């Protein structure tokens, strides 16, 4: 199956973001059967088109299911929880066999998933765990704690914290509180970094350390930029400089870079990221961002399709974690993939040579 959509991305991400935001206002229902027929119906609910990774997730899933002979309804909800609920209600009414849901608000879907369960529809939480409902059957994602561990470990190694005296100024950013992954990402990183904060080698001058203080609504880079502007204005006077920023996602990282540049930073601090977005890989090449955590959404789509096929066929659905992901009602059986740390030294091998990103898009 050819699920690589990177060749569709042309021009700058800044220009693309405008087009993506506009197109995100419209849902895109694909009711056609792209395969040989005889397959079931699959409903795919994605959160937004304002982040390129969700576009690739949707494209990869849709292509994979259609190649397998399934009818697909693919919807994007523009980061609007009520709209996503409505879209899923429509899919339930269309008689889908399986729902694949990347939730916008992890606590808003209980009612509509109860409707799905009444119709004996299998529900797979895609990348984001859905909370406080008995009606989630499986969870498919990357190892979210490991994502944070990779980010924290990169910081430790980049600053040589085992040997350096410090102190180094650290600022913390996290994702949206409505996304269950946010806590796992941060906890993974904080478990690595906290001992150095306690020791005094890392100093958080802003004093902002709680998840509520460092969260970023909707994972929005402009919100991260505004918060970073405020941190720089209030906590970094005179010769004080930021040495490192824990950022959980590439869009947030780019917002942080913009704030630093507007404050006169020519040499960037160590800045982490996630998702290997094209613009952030460019930033890594240019020295504006230090690293990103690469999650091959092609592999995630393939794994999801395998789980759905097994579910529809009445076979055993493969999982590899039955202990970690308690959604408040039950532990959801999970199938987790491994993320990869990417920086200037290995981006070519990991994201270009693998075909995830077209090298022409990095020019």
Protein backbone atom coordinates (compact mmCIF):
# COMPACT_ATOMS: atom_id res chain seq x y z
CA UNK A 1 0.00 0.00 0.00
CA UNK A 2 1.33 3.40 -0.90
CA UNK A 3 0.40 5.58 2.03
CA UNK A 4 3.10 8.22 1.66
CA UNK A 5 1.44 11.60 1.24
CA UNK A 6 4.51 13.78 1.72
CA UNK A 7 4.67 14.68 -1.96
CA UNK A 8 1.42 16.59 -1.51
CA UNK A 9 3.13 19.12 0.72
CA UNK A 10 4.58 21.98 -1.32
CA UNK A 11 5.56 25.51 -0.49
CA UNK A 12 6.11 26.84 2.99
CA UNK A 13 4.21 25.60 5.99
CA UNK A 14 3.27 29.19 6.75
CA UNK A 15 1.36 29.40 3.46
CA UNK A 16 0.02 25.89 3.87
CA UNK A 17 -1.31 26.65 7.32
CA UNK A 18 -3.61 29.33 5.91
CA UNK A 19 -5.01 26.92 3.36
CA UNK A 20 -5.31 24.14 5.93
CA UNK A 21 -7.15 26.36 8.38
CA UNK A 22 -9.62 27.35 5.71
CA UNK A 23 -10.16 23.81 4.50
CA UNK A 24 -10.57 22.55 8.05
CA UNK A 25 -13.91 24.34 8.25
CA UNK A 26 -15.42 21.81 5.89
CA UNK A 27 -15.76 18.10 6.67
CA UNK A 28 -14.72 15.69 3.98
CA UNK A 29 -16.95 12.64 3.83
CA UNK A 30 -15.59 9.92 1.58
CA UNK A 31 -18.36 7.44 1.09
CA UNK A 32 -16.72 5.68 -1.84
CA UNK A 33 -15.34 2.18 -1.70
CA UNK A 34 -11.76 2.30 -2.95
CA UNK A 35 -11.21 -1.45 -2.86
CA UNK A 36 -12.70 -4.57 -4.35
CA UNK A 37 -15.91 -4.46 -2.35
CA UNK A 38 -17.26 -6.76 0.33
CA UNK A 39 -15.55 -4.91 3.18
CA UNK A 40 -17.21 -3.16 6.08
CA UNK A 41 -17.70 0.51 6.79
CA UNK A 42 -15.17 2.48 8.78
CA UNK A 43 -15.70 5.92 10.31
CA UNK A 44 -12.57 8.00 10.96
CA UNK A 45 -12.88 11.08 13.18
CA UNK A 46 -9.78 13.32 13.10
CA UNK A 47 -9.43 16.46 15.25
CA UNK A 48 -8.11 19.16 12.90
CA UNK A 49 -6.37 20.06 9.67
CA UNK A 50 -4.34 22.87 11.22
CA UNK A 51 -1.57 20.38 12.08
CA UNK A 52 0.00 18.55 9.15
CA UNK A 53 0.39 15.32 11.10
CA UNK A 54 -3.41 14.86 11.34
CA UNK A 55 -3.75 15.36 7.61
CA UNK A 56 -1.23 12.60 7.00
CA UNK A 57 -2.90 10.38 9.60
CA UNK A 58 -6.26 10.80 7.89
CA UNK A 59 -4.82 10.26 4.41
CA UNK A 60 -2.85 7.19 5.50
CA UNK A 61 -5.83 5.61 7.26
CA UNK A 62 -8.25 6.34 4.42
CA UNK A 63 -5.91 4.96 1.75
CA UNK A 64 -5.08 1.88 3.82
CA UNK A 65 -8.71 1.01 4.51
CA UNK A 66 -9.80 1.62 0.93
CA UNK A 67 -6.93 -0.52 -0.35
CA UNK A 68 -8.29 -3.27 1.90
CA UNK A 69 -11.75 -2.91 0.35
CA UNK A 70 -13.52 -0.85 3.02
CA UNK A 71 -15.89 2.08 2.67
CA UNK A 72 -14.51 5.07 4.55
CA UNK A 73 -16.04 8.19 6.07
CA UNK A 74 -13.23 10.58 7.01
CA UNK A 75 -14.13 13.69 8.99
CA UNK A 76 -12.16 16.60 10.48
CA UNK A 77 -13.75 18.68 13.24
CA UNK A 78 -11.58 21.83 13.26
CA UNK A 79 -10.74 21.40 16.98
CA UNK A 80 -14.44 21.77 17.87
CA UNK A 81 -15.58 19.04 20.32
CA UNK A 82 -19.31 19.52 19.58
CA UNK A 83 -18.65 19.23 15.86
CA UNK A 84 -16.75 15.99 16.39
CA UNK A 85 -19.64 14.58 18.43
CA UNK A 86 -22.03 15.47 15.61
CA UNK A 87 -19.78 13.87 13.01
CA UNK A 88 -19.55 10.65 14.99
CA UNK A 89 -23.34 10.61 15.45
CA UNK A 90 -23.66 10.79 11.67
CA UNK A 91 -21.22 7.91 11.23
CA UNK A 92 -23.18 5.82 13.72
CA UNK A 93 -26.34 6.59 11.76
CA UNK A 94 -24.60 5.49 8.57
CA UNK A 95 -24.07 2.06 10.08
CA UNK A 96 -20.28 1.94 10.31
CA UNK A 97 -18.78 -1.24 11.71
CA UNK A 98 -15.83 0.45 13.38
CA UNK A 99 -15.04 3.94 14.62
CA UNK A 100 -11.44 5.19 14.68
CA UNK A 101 -11.44 8.35 16.81
CA UNK A 102 -8.67 10.85 17.55
CA UNK A 103 -10.50 12.83 20.20
CA UNK A 104 -10.40 16.61 20.51
CA UNK A 105 -11.75 16.58 24.07
CA UNK A 106 -11.05 13.25 25.72
CA UNK A 107 -14.07 13.56 28.05
CA UNK A 108 -16.75 14.76 25.62
CA UNK A 109 -17.53 11.58 23.72
CA UNK A 110 -19.20 9.35 26.32
CA UNK A 111 -22.74 9.92 25.07
CA UNK A 112 -22.11 9.38 21.38
CA UNK A 113 -19.91 6.32 22.03
CA UNK A 114 -22.75 4.83 24.09
CA UNK A 115 -24.88 5.20 20.96
CA UNK A 116 -22.18 3.43 18.99
CA UNK A 117 -22.03 0.57 21.46
CA UNK A 118 -25.81 0.13 21.21
CA UNK A 119 -25.18 -0.57 17.52
CA UNK A 120 -22.34 -2.98 18.41
CA UNK A 121 -19.78 -0.71 16.75
CA UNK A 122 -16.16 -1.34 17.74
CA UNK A 123 -14.45 1.83 18.98
CA UNK A 124 -10.70 2.35 18.62
CA UNK A 125 -9.16 5.39 20.30
CA UNK A 126 -6.52 6.61 17.86
CA UNK A 127 -3.40 8.21 19.37
CA UNK A 128 -5.45 9.96 22.08
CA UNK A 129 -7.11 7.91 24.81
CA UNK A 130 -10.81 8.64 25.34
CA UNK A 131 -11.66 8.95 29.04
CA UNK A 132 -14.52 8.12 31.40
CA UNK A 133 -16.46 5.76 29.17
CA UNK A 134 -16.87 1.96 29.08
CA UNK A 135 -17.35 2.10 25.33
CA UNK A 136 -13.75 2.21 24.12
CA UNK A 137 -12.54 -1.20 22.99
CA UNK A 138 -8.93 -0.56 22.00
CA UNK A 139 -6.26 2.11 21.98
CA UNK A 140 -3.59 2.45 19.28
CA UNK A 141 -0.76 4.94 19.65
CA UNK A 142 2.93 5.39 20.15
CA UNK A 143 4.54 4.88 23.54
CA UNK A 144 3.62 8.30 24.90
CA UNK A 145 5.77 8.15 28.02
CA UNK A 146 8.75 7.24 25.86
CA UNK A 147 8.12 10.35 23.73
CA UNK A 148 8.75 12.47 26.81
CA UNK A 149 11.65 10.30 27.91
CA UNK A 150 13.34 10.87 24.54
CA UNK A 151 12.88 14.63 24.86
CA UNK A 152 14.21 14.73 28.42
CA UNK A 153 17.15 12.48 27.58
CA UNK A 154 18.07 14.66 24.62
CA UNK A 155 18.22 17.70 26.92
CA UNK A 156 20.42 15.87 29.42
CA UNK A 157 22.85 14.81 26.72
CA UNK A 158 22.84 18.13 24.84
CA UNK A 159 23.76 20.04 28.00
CA UNK A 160 25.99 17.24 29.32
CA UNK A 161 24.20 17.52 32.64
CA UNK A 162 26.04 14.53 34.07
CA UNK A 163 29.31 16.48 33.94
CA UNK A 164 28.48 20.18 33.51
CA UNK A 165 28.21 22.37 36.59
CA UNK A 166 25.42 24.60 35.31
CA UNK A 167 23.13 26.13 36.20
CA UNK A 168 21.14 26.18 32.97
CA UNK A 169 17.86 28.07 32.60
CA UNK A 170 15.00 25.76 31.63
CA UNK A 171 11.42 26.60 30.66
CA UNK A 172 8.65 24.03 30.37
CA UNK A 173 5.82 23.74 27.88
CA UNK A 174 3.13 21.06 27.65
CA UNK A 175 0.23 20.29 25.32
CA UNK A 176 -3.52 20.71 25.72
CA UNK A 177 -5.14 19.63 28.98
CA UNK A 178 -7.99 18.11 26.95
CA UNK A 179 -5.52 15.63 25.42
CA UNK A 180 -4.74 12.66 27.64
CA UNK A 181 -1.34 12.28 25.97
CA UNK A 182 -0.20 15.60 27.43
CA UNK A 183 0.31 14.12 30.88
CA UNK A 184 2.21 11.10 29.56
CA UNK A 185 4.51 13.25 27.43
CA UNK A 186 5.29 15.58 30.32
CA UNK A 187 5.65 12.86 32.95
CA UNK A 188 8.13 11.02 30.72
CA UNK A 189 10.27 14.12 30.28
CA UNK A 190 9.94 15.34 33.87
CA UNK A 191 11.07 11.99 35.29
CA UNK A 192 14.36 12.57 33.46
CA UNK A 193 14.73 16.29 34.18
CA UNK A 194 13.44 16.67 37.74
CA UNK A 195 16.57 15.30 39.45
CA UNK A 196 18.65 17.99 37.76
CA UNK A 197 16.12 20.65 38.83
CA UNK A 198 16.32 19.38 42.40
CA UNK A 199 20.12 19.40 42.19
CA UNK A 200 20.11 22.98 40.90
CA UNK A 201 21.73 22.30 37.55
CA UNK A 202 18.45 23.25 35.84
CA UNK A 203 16.68 26.41 37.02
CA UNK A 204 13.14 27.34 36.00
CA UNK A 205 13.27 31.12 36.36
CA UNK A 206 9.58 31.64 35.56
CA UNK A 207 8.58 29.32 38.41
CA UNK A 208 5.97 27.77 36.14
CA UNK A 209 6.12 24.03 36.70
CA UNK A 210 2.58 22.68 37.16
CA UNK A 211 0.82 21.09 34.21
CA UNK A 212 -1.93 23.70 34.43
CA UNK A 213 0.65 26.52 34.20
CA UNK A 214 2.60 25.09 31.27
CA UNK A 215 -0.26 23.64 29.19
CA UNK A 216 -0.94 25.00 25.70
CA UNK A 217 -4.58 25.20 24.62
CA UNK A 218 -5.26 23.26 21.41
CA UNK A 219 -1.50 22.70 21.03
CA UNK A 220 -1.53 26.15 19.43
CA UNK A 221 1.86 27.59 18.46
CA UNK A 222 0.62 31.18 18.64
CA UNK A 223 -0.50 30.62 22.24
CA UNK A 224 2.92 29.14 23.04
CA UNK A 225 4.58 32.15 21.40
CA UNK A 226 2.56 34.56 23.53
CA UNK A 227 3.40 32.67 26.72
CA UNK A 228 7.09 32.57 25.81
CA UNK A 229 7.00 36.32 25.13
CA UNK A 230 5.60 36.86 28.63
CA UNK A 231 8.20 34.57 30.23
CA UNK A 232 11.04 36.41 28.50
CA UNK A 233 9.64 39.82 29.51
CA UNK A 234 9.03 38.90 33.14
CA UNK A 235 11.79 36.45 34.02
CA UNK A 236 14.78 37.15 31.78
CA UNK A 237 16.18 40.61 32.44
CA UNK A 238 19.67 41.78 31.59
CA UNK A 239 22.12 39.05 30.71
CA UNK A 240 19.87 36.19 31.76
CA UNK A 241 19.17 33.87 28.83
CA UNK A 242 17.07 30.75 28.28
CA UNK A 243 19.33 27.73 27.78
CA UNK A 244 16.76 25.04 27.09
CA UNK A 245 13.03 24.71 26.43
CA UNK A 246 11.07 21.50 26.83
CA UNK A 247 8.48 21.72 24.04
CA UNK A 248 6.17 18.75 23.43
CA UNK A 249 5.21 19.38 19.80
CA UNK A 250 6.76 20.96 16.70
CA UNK A 251 4.08 23.62 16.26
CA UNK A 252 4.66 24.77 19.83
CA UNK A 253 8.42 24.67 19.23
CA UNK A 254 8.11 27.00 16.25
CA UNK A 255 6.03 29.42 18.30
CA UNK A 256 8.77 29.43 20.94
CA UNK A 257 11.42 30.08 18.28
CA UNK A 258 9.39 33.04 17.00
CA UNK A 259 9.24 34.53 20.49
CA UNK A 260 12.98 34.07 21.02
CA UNK A 261 13.79 35.62 17.65
CA UNK A 262 11.60 38.63 18.39
CA UNK A 263 13.51 39.05 21.66
CA UNK A 264 16.82 39.18 19.84
CA UNK A 265 18.09 35.62 20.26
CA UNK A 266 20.49 34.78 17.45
CA UNK A 267 21.67 31.46 18.86
CA UNK A 268 18.74 29.30 19.89
CA UNK A 269 18.55 27.38 23.16
CA UNK A 270 18.12 23.62 23.10
CA UNK A 271 14.50 23.17 21.97
CA UNK A 272 12.69 19.85 21.72
CA UNK A 273 9.67 18.91 19.61
CA UNK A 274 7.49 16.11 18.33
CA UNK A 275 5.96 14.84 15.06
CA UNK A 276 8.78 15.52 12.58
CA UNK A 277 6.75 18.15 10.74
CA UNK A 278 8.40 19.39 7.57
CA UNK A 279 8.90 22.95 8.77
CA UNK A 280 10.45 21.78 12.03
CA UNK A 281 12.81 19.41 10.23
CA UNK A 282 13.86 22.48 8.24
CA UNK A 283 14.35 24.30 11.56
CA UNK A 284 16.54 21.42 12.78
CA UNK A 285 18.68 21.62 9.65
CA UNK A 286 18.99 25.41 10.14
CA UNK A 287 19.81 25.14 13.85
CA UNK A 288 16.60 26.79 15.08
CA UNK A 289 15.18 23.66 16.72
CA UNK A 290 17.33 20.94 18.28
CA UNK A 291 15.31 17.75 17.89
CA UNK A 292 11.91 16.24 17.25
CA UNK A 293 10.34 12.91 18.12
CA UNK A 294 9.46 11.08 14.92
CA UNK A 295 6.32 8.97 14.93
CA UNK A 296 5.79 7.16 11.63
CA UNK A 297 2.07 7.61 11.06
CA UNK A 298 2.23 5.17 8.15
CA UNK A 299 3.07 2.42 10.61
CA UNK A 300 0.33 3.64 12.96
CA UNK A 301 -2.22 3.51 10.13
CA UNK A 302 -1.10 0.01 9.15
CA UNK A 303 -1.37 -1.19 12.75
CA UNK A 304 -4.84 0.35 13.06
CA UNK A 305 -6.03 -1.35 9.88
CA UNK A 306 -4.77 -4.71 11.14
CA UNK A 307 -6.67 -4.21 14.40
CA UNK A 308 -9.86 -3.24 12.57
CA UNK A 309 -9.67 -6.19 10.19
CA UNK A 310 -9.22 -8.57 13.09
CA UNK A 311 -12.16 -6.97 14.92
CA UNK A 312 -14.51 -7.12 11.93
CA UNK A 313 -13.46 -10.69 11.12
CA UNK A 314 -13.97 -11.81 14.70
CA UNK A 315 -10.30 -12.62 15.16
CA UNK A 316 -7.89 -11.77 17.96
CA UNK A 317 -6.96 -8.08 18.01
CA UNK A 318 -3.25 -7.67 18.67
CA UNK A 319 -2.30 -5.57 21.70
CA UNK A 320 0.95 -5.22 23.62
CA UNK A 321 -0.08 -3.26 26.73
CA UNK A 322 -2.94 -4.25 29.02
CA UNK A 323 -1.88 -2.34 32.14
CA UNK A 324 -1.00 1.30 31.41
CA UNK A 325 -3.98 3.08 29.89
CA UNK A 326 -6.77 3.33 32.45
CA UNK A 327 -9.43 5.66 31.03
CA UNK A 328 -11.24 6.09 34.34
CA UNK A 329 -13.66 3.26 33.61
CA UNK A 330 -11.35 0.41 32.64
CA UNK A 331 -7.87 -0.34 31.40
CA UNK A 332 -8.07 -0.09 27.62
CA UNK A 333 -6.04 -2.74 25.76
CA UNK A 334 -3.40 -0.88 23.76
CA UNK A 335 -1.12 -1.46 20.81
CA UNK A 336 1.87 0.87 21.16
CA UNK A 337 4.57 1.68 18.61
CA UNK A 338 8.07 3.02 19.33
CA UNK A 339 8.91 6.69 18.62
CA UNK A 340 12.37 7.78 17.45
CA UNK A 341 14.50 10.77 18.47
CA UNK A 342 15.58 12.80 15.43
CA UNK A 343 18.10 15.62 15.17
CA UNK A 344 20.49 17.03 12.59
CA UNK A 345 22.61 13.88 12.75
CA UNK A 346 19.96 11.33 11.76
CA UNK A 347 17.05 13.15 10.10
CA UNK A 348 18.21 12.06 6.64
CA UNK A 349 18.20 8.38 7.54
CA UNK A 350 15.04 8.39 9.62
CA UNK A 351 12.60 10.68 7.82
CA UNK A 352 13.99 11.22 4.33
CA UNK A 353 15.51 7.90 3.33
CA UNK A 354 12.48 6.13 4.82
CA UNK A 355 10.20 8.10 2.48
CA UNK A 356 8.31 9.84 5.28
CA UNK A 357 9.36 13.26 4.01
CA UNK A 358 10.20 14.09 0.42
CA UNK A 359 13.67 15.64 0.36
CA UNK A 360 12.43 18.27 -2.11
CA UNK A 361 10.13 19.62 0.61
CA UNK A 362 13.17 20.40 2.77
CA UNK A 363 14.83 22.55 0.12
